[in-house]
Amino acid sequence: MAEQELSSQLELHEGEEIVEVIELNPGLQVPEEEEGEAAADDITNELEEDEDDGGWETDDAETMEVVRDDSDLTFSRHTKAVFCLSLDPKSNSLAVTGGEDDMAFVWRVSDGEVLLECTGHKDSVISASFSHDSTLVVTGDMSGLIKAWNVEMKKEVWSFEVGDLQWVKWHPCAHVLLAGTDEGSCWMWKIPSGECKTFVGTGCQATCGKILPDGFRAVIGYEDGTLRIWDLKQGSQLHVVKGQDSHQGPVTCLASNDTGSLVLTGSVDCTAKLLSPLTGKVVSVFSVPNSTKERMEKEPMEGTDSNSNSVESVGFCWVLPLIAIGFLDGTMGIWDIPSQTLRHKWQLQAGIVQLLWEEHSPIIYTGSLDGAVRVWDARSGRMESEYCGHAAEILDFVLNKEASMIITASGDRTSKVFYLQRPDR
């Protein structure tokens, strides 16, 4: 009955209304904690039973110029581009960054002091994040070497090597890792004991993945456009989205709402799909009007061509039934989920790399290839703030729980801390 109500509520409409377009120049209910912990216990117990260099293209540091720097602290220990970033979920006082220099650092955001150097990687570190309780950090490099570190003890506690790595994710409430590889297999380990389970691939890249809030299921996207929903306890596929329902290009990103009842995916095919992980059915498809493609053909952005657009980031609003979709060509759209209406569309001259919603308001943040983070109000459609300081593209950024601080990672070899609620801003 609930699924019928969902399907009827999300029924597709013939056309979408653009409420507002802004041109810019460069410059549900949260799952109970007990349920998540039960899922974590079941999965870790199941694991115990089943034990068995091309460089980043960016300008030389000497030629990089910054018009203005709004940051309050610059972390500059990396010697090459900084690819990934995470903020510790418990205190929001520690950050971990990984980069092209084969290094990751755990550092204090108040003063930039390095607390742990994560050494021993053989290639660019493309994934670095804290566990749910902030006690462990995982770092993974492109070659497939994955390491787990104890933050307090400042030492490596586990490592494993897979094929070429695409991503690594922590379980939302357990010391369990899930990783996707180039050849399509996904691995799951209990840390630090290393008990392992594998989810067999299809021969194409597992391009992105996420463990759902219930802790029992994971959604994984693949290079061929398919999506698979896995039962982590049983190690079996629950649903496969393929054929006409699947994306017609590699899946680039995905997100779930706070209950895990809906999943939003993005692709190189320039569409986003909303699906129910309970049934595996796609309930809506989102795309922007063709004007975006036409504009790129007339005035392609520097370093791109008219065929290079894709969905790069998607996200659910925490407080209203809204979704956001960001594109490589600089387009961002805000849609109302029940009506499928395009409420706002913004057009930047720089591609959007990532977007994040505030936890307690309909405010959204975007990080772009021009090195700026912008803050938008999804109700009014206005840009509220802009934070600059990088001399190259933003590759990752995070927002703390209070929405008072942004930390960025950039191709200019630095990570920066921006405080958002200072009196002079």
Protein backbone atom coordinates (compact mmCIF):
# COMPACT_ATOMS: atom_id res chain seq x y z
CA MET A 1 0.00 0.00 0.00
CA ALA A 2 2.84 2.42 0.89
CA GLU A 3 4.52 1.75 -2.45
CA GLN A 4 1.25 2.38 -4.32
CA GLU A 5 0.88 5.71 -2.53
CA LEU A 6 4.49 6.60 -3.36
CA SER A 7 4.03 5.73 -7.05
CA SER A 8 0.83 7.75 -7.32
CA GLN A 9 2.41 10.67 -5.51
CA LEU A 10 5.39 10.66 -7.87
CA GLU A 11 3.43 10.17 -11.08
CA LEU A 12 5.24 11.71 -14.07
CA HIS A 13 3.78 14.86 -15.58
CA GLU A 14 3.90 16.02 -19.17
CA GLY A 15 6.44 18.90 -18.96
CA GLU A 16 8.19 20.88 -16.33
CA GLU A 17 7.86 24.53 -15.50
CA ILE A 18 10.98 26.60 -14.99
CA VAL A 19 10.18 29.03 -12.24
CA GLU A 20 13.39 31.04 -12.42
CA VAL A 21 16.72 31.03 -14.25
CA ILE A 22 19.72 32.90 -12.86
CA GLU A 23 22.81 33.55 -14.99
CA LEU A 24 26.13 34.01 -13.20
CA ASN A 25 29.58 34.90 -14.34
CA PRO A 26 32.63 33.14 -12.90
CA GLY A 27 33.97 34.77 -9.84
CA LEU A 28 10.71 11.99 6.38
CA GLN A 29 11.74 10.52 9.43
CA VAL A 30 15.19 9.43 10.48
CA PRO A 31 15.61 5.70 11.20
CA GLU A 32 15.85 4.75 14.85
CA GLU A 33 19.43 4.37 16.04
CA GLU A 34 18.59 0.96 17.44
CA GLU A 35 17.65 -0.32 13.99
CA GLY A 36 20.98 0.79 12.54
CA GLU A 37 22.90 -0.82 15.38
CA ALA A 38 20.97 -4.08 14.92
CA ALA A 39 21.81 -4.02 11.22
CA ALA A 40 25.47 -3.40 12.02
CA ASP A 41 25.53 -6.31 14.48
CA ASP A 42 23.90 -8.65 11.98
CA ILE A 43 26.30 -7.71 9.21
CA THR A 44 29.43 -7.96 11.31
CA ASN A 45 28.27 -11.32 12.67
CA GLU A 46 27.60 -12.51 9.14
CA LEU A 47 31.09 -11.40 8.12
CA GLU A 48 32.57 -13.48 10.90
CA GLU A 49 30.64 -16.51 9.73
CA ASP A 50 31.68 -16.04 6.09
CA GLU A 51 35.42 -15.49 6.70
CA ASP A 52 37.05 -17.28 4.15
CA ASP A 53 50.99 7.67 -12.60
CA GLY A 54 49.55 10.37 -15.09
CA GLY A 55 49.48 13.59 -13.13
CA TRP A 56 46.46 15.78 -12.39
CA GLU A 57 46.12 18.49 -15.01
CA THR A 58 46.36 21.86 -13.31
CA ASP A 59 48.42 25.00 -13.56
CA ASP A 60 51.82 25.26 -11.97
CA ALA A 61 51.73 26.84 -8.54
CA GLU A 62 53.78 29.78 -9.80
CA THR A 63 51.13 30.68 -12.41
CA MET A 64 48.10 30.34 -10.14
CA GLU A 65 46.53 33.62 -9.13
CA VAL A 66 43.87 34.19 -6.50
CA VAL A 67 41.68 37.28 -6.80
CA ARG A 68 40.68 37.14 -3.13
CA ASP A 69 40.98 34.68 -0.26
CA ASP A 70 38.02 34.44 2.10
CA SER A 71 39.43 31.47 4.02
CA ASP A 72 40.41 31.50 7.68
CA LEU A 73 43.01 28.74 7.47
CA THR A 74 44.96 27.09 4.64
CA PHE A 75 46.28 23.55 5.00
CA SER A 76 49.25 23.20 2.68
CA ARG A 77 51.01 19.96 3.58
CA HIS A 78 50.10 18.26 0.28
CA THR A 79 52.56 18.72 -2.58
CA LYS A 80 50.08 17.90 -5.36
CA ALA A 81 46.33 18.16 -5.95
CA VAL A 82 44.06 17.34 -2.98
CA PHE A 83 41.43 14.89 -4.22
CA CYS A 84 39.31 13.94 -1.21
CA LEU A 85 38.24 15.21 2.17
CA SER A 86 36.23 14.17 5.23
CA LEU A 87 35.25 15.77 8.54
CA ASP A 88 35.06 13.70 11.72
CA PRO A 89 31.33 13.19 12.48
CA LYS A 90 31.55 13.29 16.29
CA SER A 91 33.24 16.59 17.03
CA ASN A 92 33.71 18.16 13.59
CA SER A 93 37.14 19.21 14.83
CA LEU A 94 39.34 16.93 12.70
CA ALA A 95 39.71 16.60 8.94
CA VAL A 96 41.38 14.00 6.75
CA THR A 97 42.61 14.84 3.25
CA GLY A 98 44.07 12.63 0.54
CA GLY A 99 45.89 13.64 -2.59
CA GLU A 100 47.85 13.00 -5.74
CA ASP A 101 51.06 12.97 -3.71
CA ASP A 102 50.15 9.46 -2.40
CA MET A 103 49.59 10.92 1.06
CA ALA A 104 46.73 11.45 3.49
CA PHE A 105 46.81 13.63 6.59
CA VAL A 106 44.57 13.81 9.65
CA TRP A 107 44.71 17.38 10.92
CA ARG A 108 43.01 19.69 13.38
CA VAL A 109 40.79 22.25 11.68
CA SER A 110 41.31 24.94 14.31
CA ASP A 111 45.02 25.38 13.62
CA GLY A 112 46.01 22.95 10.84
CA GLU A 113 48.25 20.83 13.07
CA VAL A 114 48.88 17.38 11.60
CA LEU A 115 47.91 14.62 14.05
CA LEU A 116 48.54 11.63 11.78
CA GLU A 117 50.43 11.09 8.54
CA CYS A 118 48.90 8.22 6.57
CA THR A 119 51.94 6.95 4.70
CA GLY A 120 52.66 3.87 2.59
CA HIS A 121 50.29 4.41 -0.32
CA LYS A 122 51.53 3.56 -3.82
CA ASP A 123 49.29 5.87 -5.86
CA SER A 124 47.01 8.89 -5.53
CA VAL A 125 44.76 8.72 -2.47
CA ILE A 126 41.23 9.05 -3.87
CA SER A 127 39.21 8.13 -0.78
CA ALA A 128 39.69 9.22 2.84
CA SER A 129 37.02 9.28 5.53
CA PHE A 130 36.20 8.81 9.22
CA SER A 131 34.17 5.98 10.70
CA HIS A 132 30.79 6.79 12.28
CA ASP A 133 32.36 7.22 15.73
CA SER A 134 35.44 9.13 14.50
CA THR A 135 37.83 6.55 15.98
CA LEU A 136 39.05 5.14 12.65
CA VAL A 137 40.07 6.60 9.30
CA VAL A 138 40.17 4.74 5.99
CA THR A 139 42.42 5.77 3.11
CA GLY A 140 42.36 4.17 -0.33
CA ASP A 141 44.54 4.77 -3.38
CA MET A 142 43.98 4.25 -7.09
CA SER A 143 46.11 1.12 -7.20
CA GLY A 144 43.72 -0.59 -4.75
CA LEU A 145 45.67 -0.37 -1.50
CA ILE A 146 43.25 0.35 1.36
CA LYS A 147 44.42 1.16 4.90
CA ALA A 148 42.58 1.74 8.17
CA TRP A 149 44.10 3.89 10.90
CA ASN A 150 43.36 4.35 14.59
CA VAL A 151 43.19 8.11 15.13
CA GLU A 152 43.91 8.14 18.87
CA MET A 153 46.72 5.59 18.67
CA LYS A 154 48.06 7.24 15.50
CA LYS A 155 48.85 3.98 13.77
CA GLU A 156 47.75 1.70 10.96
CA VAL A 157 45.51 -1.14 12.18
CA TRP A 158 44.55 -2.89 8.92
CA SER A 159 45.34 -2.98 5.22
CA PHE A 160 44.18 -4.87 2.15
CA GLU A 161 44.88 -4.67 -1.57
CA VAL A 162 42.20 -5.08 -4.26
CA GLY A 163 42.22 -4.28 -7.97
CA ASP A 164 42.16 -0.68 -9.16
CA LEU A 165 39.94 1.18 -6.70
CA GLN A 166 36.95 3.41 -7.43
CA TRP A 167 35.63 4.23 -3.93
CA VAL A 168 35.51 3.18 -0.27
CA LYS A 169 32.58 3.85 2.12
CA TRP A 170 32.05 3.25 5.85
CA HIS A 171 28.96 1.56 7.24
CA PRO A 172 26.77 4.24 8.92
CA CYS A 173 27.03 2.67 12.39
CA ALA A 174 29.67 -0.08 12.39
CA HIS A 175 33.38 -0.56 11.70
CA VAL A 176 32.59 -2.11 8.33
CA LEU A 177 33.94 -0.98 4.96
CA LEU A 178 32.46 -1.35 1.48
CA ALA A 179 34.65 -0.77 -1.59
CA GLY A 180 34.09 -0.82 -5.36
CA THR A 181 36.69 -1.70 -8.00
CA ASP A 182 37.39 -1.23 -11.70
CA GLU A 183 36.54 -4.83 -12.53
CA GLY A 184 33.15 -4.50 -10.87
CA SER A 185 33.50 -6.56 -7.71
CA CYS A 186 32.66 -4.98 -4.37
CA TRP A 187 34.30 -5.99 -1.12
CA MET A 188 33.10 -5.68 2.46
CA TRP A 189 35.32 -6.05 5.53
CA LYS A 190 34.95 -5.90 9.28
CA ILE A 191 37.69 -3.64 10.67
CA PRO A 192 40.21 -4.33 12.09
CA SER A 193 39.73 -8.12 12.10
CA GLY A 194 39.47 -8.23 8.29
CA GLU A 195 36.63 -10.77 7.93
CA CYS A 196 35.55 -10.38 4.33
CA LYS A 197 32.62 -10.81 1.98
CA THR A 198 32.55 -10.12 -1.78
CA PHE A 199 29.76 -9.07 -4.12
CA VAL A 200 30.50 -10.39 -7.59
CA GLY A 201 30.64 -7.83 -10.37
CA THR A 202 29.67 -7.88 -14.02
CA GLY A 203 33.02 -7.03 -15.56
CA CYS A 204 32.49 -3.25 -15.65
CA GLN A 205 33.45 -0.64 -13.07
CA ALA A 206 31.51 -0.25 -9.85
CA THR A 207 31.58 3.53 -10.23
CA CYS A 208 29.79 4.59 -7.02
CA GLY A 209 28.09 3.06 -4.01
CA LYS A 210 26.36 3.80 -0.72
CA ILE A 211 25.14 1.79 2.28
CA LEU A 212 21.56 2.80 3.02
CA PRO A 213 20.58 4.21 6.45
CA ASP A 214 19.00 0.93 7.59
CA GLY A 215 22.49 -0.64 7.48
CA PHE A 216 21.22 -3.79 5.74
CA ARG A 217 21.31 -2.75 2.08
CA ALA A 218 23.66 -1.04 -0.34
CA VAL A 219 23.01 0.63 -3.70
CA ILE A 220 25.82 0.35 -6.26
CA GLY A 221 26.06 2.03 -9.66
CA TYR A 222 28.06 0.66 -12.56
CA GLU A 223 29.81 1.88 -15.70
CA ASP A 224 27.20 0.28 -17.97
CA GLY A 225 24.44 2.39 -16.37
CA THR A 226 22.92 -0.39 -14.28
CA LEU A 227 22.11 -0.18 -10.58
CA ARG A 228 22.12 -3.06 -8.13
CA ILE A 229 20.62 -3.16 -4.66
CA TRP A 230 22.43 -5.67 -2.45
CA ASP A 231 21.43 -7.40 0.76
CA LEU A 232 24.61 -7.01 2.81
CA LYS A 233 23.75 -9.75 5.28
CA GLN A 234 22.91 -12.40 2.70
CA GLY A 235 25.34 -11.18 0.05
CA SER A 236 22.64 -11.38 -2.59
CA GLN A 237 21.10 -9.02 -5.11
CA LEU A 238 17.66 -7.73 -4.16
CA HIS A 239 17.02 -5.77 -7.35
CA VAL A 240 18.78 -4.91 -10.63
CA VAL A 241 17.83 -1.78 -12.58
CA LYS A 242 18.80 -2.41 -16.19
CA GLY A 243 17.61 -2.05 -19.78
CA GLN A 244 15.31 0.89 -20.47
CA ASP A 245 15.05 1.68 -16.76
CA SER A 246 18.81 2.00 -16.33
CA HIS A 247 21.01 4.94 -17.23
CA GLN A 248 22.38 5.07 -20.77
CA GLY A 249 25.86 5.89 -19.54
CA PRO A 250 28.07 5.34 -16.49
CA VAL A 251 26.50 6.15 -13.11
CA THR A 252 28.48 9.05 -11.63
CA CYS A 253 26.82 9.72 -8.26
CA LEU A 254 24.01 8.67 -5.95
CA ALA A 255 22.31 9.73 -2.73
CA SER A 256 19.50 8.51 -0.49
CA ASN A 257 16.98 10.37 1.59
CA ASP A 258 17.25 10.18 5.38
CA THR A 259 15.08 7.07 5.69
CA GLY A 260 16.52 5.21 2.73
CA SER A 261 13.08 4.94 1.09
CA LEU A 262 14.24 6.83 -2.01
CA VAL A 263 17.51 6.84 -3.95
CA LEU A 264 18.59 9.47 -6.48
CA THR A 265 21.22 8.64 -9.10
CA GLY A 266 23.09 10.71 -11.70
CA SER A 267 24.85 9.73 -14.89
CA VAL A 268 26.98 10.74 -17.84
CA ASP A 269 23.73 10.53 -19.84
CA CYS A 270 22.75 13.88 -18.21
CA THR A 271 19.73 12.45 -16.39
CA ALA A 272 18.96 11.74 -12.76
CA LYS A 273 16.66 8.89 -11.73
CA LEU A 274 14.56 8.59 -8.58
CA LEU A 275 13.92 5.00 -7.52
CA SER A 276 12.54 2.97 -4.67
CA PRO A 277 15.18 0.58 -3.28
CA LEU A 278 12.36 -1.48 -1.75
CA THR A 279 10.98 -2.41 -5.19
CA GLY A 280 13.86 -1.49 -7.50
CA LYS A 281 11.44 0.55 -9.61
CA VAL A 282 12.32 3.91 -11.17
CA VAL A 283 9.56 6.36 -10.25
CA SER A 284 10.85 9.49 -12.02
CA VAL A 285 13.49 10.77 -14.42
CA PHE A 286 14.87 14.32 -14.26
CA SER A 287 16.75 16.30 -16.90
CA VAL A 288 17.25 19.97 -17.73
CA PRO A 289 15.84 21.58 -20.89
CA ASN A 290 17.95 21.44 -24.05
CA SER A 291 18.95 25.08 -23.70
CA THR A 292 21.92 23.94 -21.63
CA LYS A 293 23.32 21.79 -24.42
CA GLU A 294 22.61 24.51 -27.00
CA ARG A 295 24.49 27.08 -24.92
CA MET A 296 27.51 24.80 -24.63
CA GLU A 297 27.57 24.28 -28.40
CA LYS A 298 27.60 28.05 -28.93
CA GLU A 299 29.93 28.97 -26.05
CA PRO A 300 31.72 25.89 -24.71
CA MET A 301 33.55 26.40 -21.42
CA GLU A 302 37.32 26.48 -21.47
CA GLY A 303 38.76 22.96 -21.37
CA THR A 304 35.46 21.29 -22.29
CA ASP A 305 33.53 20.39 -25.43
CA SER A 306 29.83 20.33 -26.18
CA ASN A 307 29.59 16.61 -25.47
CA SER A 308 31.30 16.65 -22.08
CA ASN A 309 28.30 17.37 -19.87
CA SER A 310 27.17 14.96 -17.15
CA VAL A 311 25.41 14.87 -13.78
CA GLU A 312 28.16 15.23 -11.18
CA SER A 313 26.29 15.47 -7.88
CA VAL A 314 22.78 14.87 -6.50
CA GLY A 315 21.20 15.37 -3.09
CA PHE A 316 17.99 15.37 -1.05
CA CYS A 317 16.88 18.33 1.03
CA TRP A 318 16.56 17.31 4.69
CA VAL A 319 13.55 19.53 5.56
CA LEU A 320 11.48 19.89 2.36
CA PRO A 321 10.55 17.43 -0.43
CA LEU A 322 13.20 18.84 -2.78
CA ILE A 323 16.14 17.42 -4.69
CA ALA A 324 19.12 19.15 -6.27
CA ILE A 325 21.05 18.05 -9.35
CA GLY A 326 24.38 19.58 -10.39
CA PHE A 327 25.89 19.30 -13.86
CA LEU A 328 29.42 19.54 -15.22
CA ASP A 329 28.37 22.38 -17.54
CA GLY A 330 27.50 24.57 -14.55
CA THR A 331 23.74 23.97 -14.48
CA MET A 332 21.99 23.25 -11.19
CA GLY A 333 18.29 22.48 -10.83
CA ILE A 334 16.01 22.26 -7.79
CA TRP A 335 12.97 19.99 -8.24
CA ASP A 336 9.89 19.47 -6.10
CA ILE A 337 9.57 15.69 -5.66
CA PRO A 338 5.76 15.19 -5.46
CA SER A 339 4.91 17.41 -8.44
CA GLN A 340 8.12 16.88 -10.46
CA THR A 341 8.26 20.66 -10.96
CA LEU A 342 11.54 22.37 -11.71
CA ARG A 343 11.45 25.17 -9.14
CA HIS A 344 14.76 26.88 -9.83
CA LYS A 345 17.53 26.60 -12.36
CA TRP A 346 20.90 28.29 -12.03
CA GLN A 347 23.52 28.56 -14.73
CA LEU A 348 27.15 29.10 -13.76
CA GLN A 349 30.01 29.47 -16.20
CA ALA A 350 32.02 26.93 -14.17
CA GLY A 351 31.14 23.26 -13.80
CA ILE A 352 29.62 22.01 -10.54
CA VAL A 353 31.71 19.32 -8.86
CA GLN A 354 29.66 18.75 -5.73
CA LEU A 355 26.57 19.97 -3.89
CA LEU A 356 25.53 19.65 -0.24
CA TRP A 357 22.31 20.55 1.60
CA GLU A 358 22.28 22.03 5.10
CA GLU A 359 20.85 19.63 7.65
CA HIS A 360 18.27 21.97 9.17
CA SER A 361 17.25 24.33 6.35
CA PRO A 362 16.67 24.41 2.57
CA ILE A 363 20.06 25.99 1.95
CA ILE A 364 22.36 24.36 -0.58
CA TYR A 365 26.09 24.70 -1.22
CA THR A 366 27.93 24.13 -4.51
CA GLY A 367 31.64 23.64 -5.19
CA SER A 368 32.81 24.51 -8.69
CA LEU A 369 35.66 24.23 -11.15
CA ASP A 370 36.36 27.97 -10.75
CA GLY A 371 37.50 27.39 -7.16
CA ALA A 372 34.49 28.97 -5.42
CA VAL A 373 31.83 27.66 -3.01
CA ARG A 374 28.44 29.29 -3.40
CA VAL A 375 25.47 29.28 -1.02
CA TRP A 376 21.90 29.24 -2.37
CA ASP A 377 18.42 29.51 -0.87
CA ALA A 378 16.23 26.84 -2.51
CA ARG A 379 13.06 28.74 -1.55
CA SER A 380 13.83 32.12 -3.09
CA GLY A 381 16.33 30.97 -5.72
CA ARG A 382 18.85 33.58 -4.64
CA MET A 383 22.57 33.14 -4.17
CA GLU A 384 23.26 34.14 -0.57
CA SER A 385 27.07 34.02 -0.38
CA GLU A 386 30.21 33.19 -2.31
CA TYR A 387 33.50 32.00 -0.81
CA CYS A 388 36.70 32.24 -2.84
CA GLY A 389 40.35 31.55 -2.18
CA HIS A 390 41.48 28.68 -4.37
CA ALA A 391 43.67 29.12 -7.44
CA ALA A 392 42.32 25.97 -9.09
CA GLU A 393 39.21 23.81 -9.17
CA ILE A 394 37.47 22.55 -6.03
CA LEU A 395 37.56 18.75 -6.06
CA ASP A 396 35.74 18.04 -2.79
CA PHE A 397 34.25 19.93 0.15
CA VAL A 398 32.44 19.26 3.43
CA LEU A 399 30.07 21.20 5.68
CA ASN A 400 29.93 20.84 9.46
CA LYS A 401 26.71 19.97 11.31
CA GLU A 402 26.02 23.55 12.43
CA ALA A 403 26.60 24.90 8.90
CA SER A 404 29.15 27.30 10.35
CA MET A 405 32.21 25.98 8.53
CA ILE A 406 33.19 24.73 5.09
CA ILE A 407 36.40 22.82 4.35
CA THR A 408 37.53 22.48 0.76
CA ALA A 409 40.01 20.40 -1.24
CA SER A 410 41.49 21.75 -4.44
CA GLY A 411 43.72 21.09 -7.39
CA ASP A 412 45.91 23.97 -6.17
CA ARG A 413 47.44 21.56 -3.59
CA THR A 414 45.66 23.09 -0.61
CA SER A 415 42.70 22.52 1.66
CA LYS A 416 41.00 25.59 3.14
CA VAL A 417 38.75 26.28 6.13
CA PHE A 418 36.03 28.93 5.79
CA TYR A 419 34.02 30.10 8.80
CA LEU A 420 30.59 31.17 7.60
CA GLN A 421 29.11 33.07 10.55
CA ARG A 422 31.69 35.69 11.37
CA PRO A 423 30.33 39.19 12.13
CA ASP A 424 32.10 40.70 9.10
CA ARG A 425 30.32 38.33 6.69
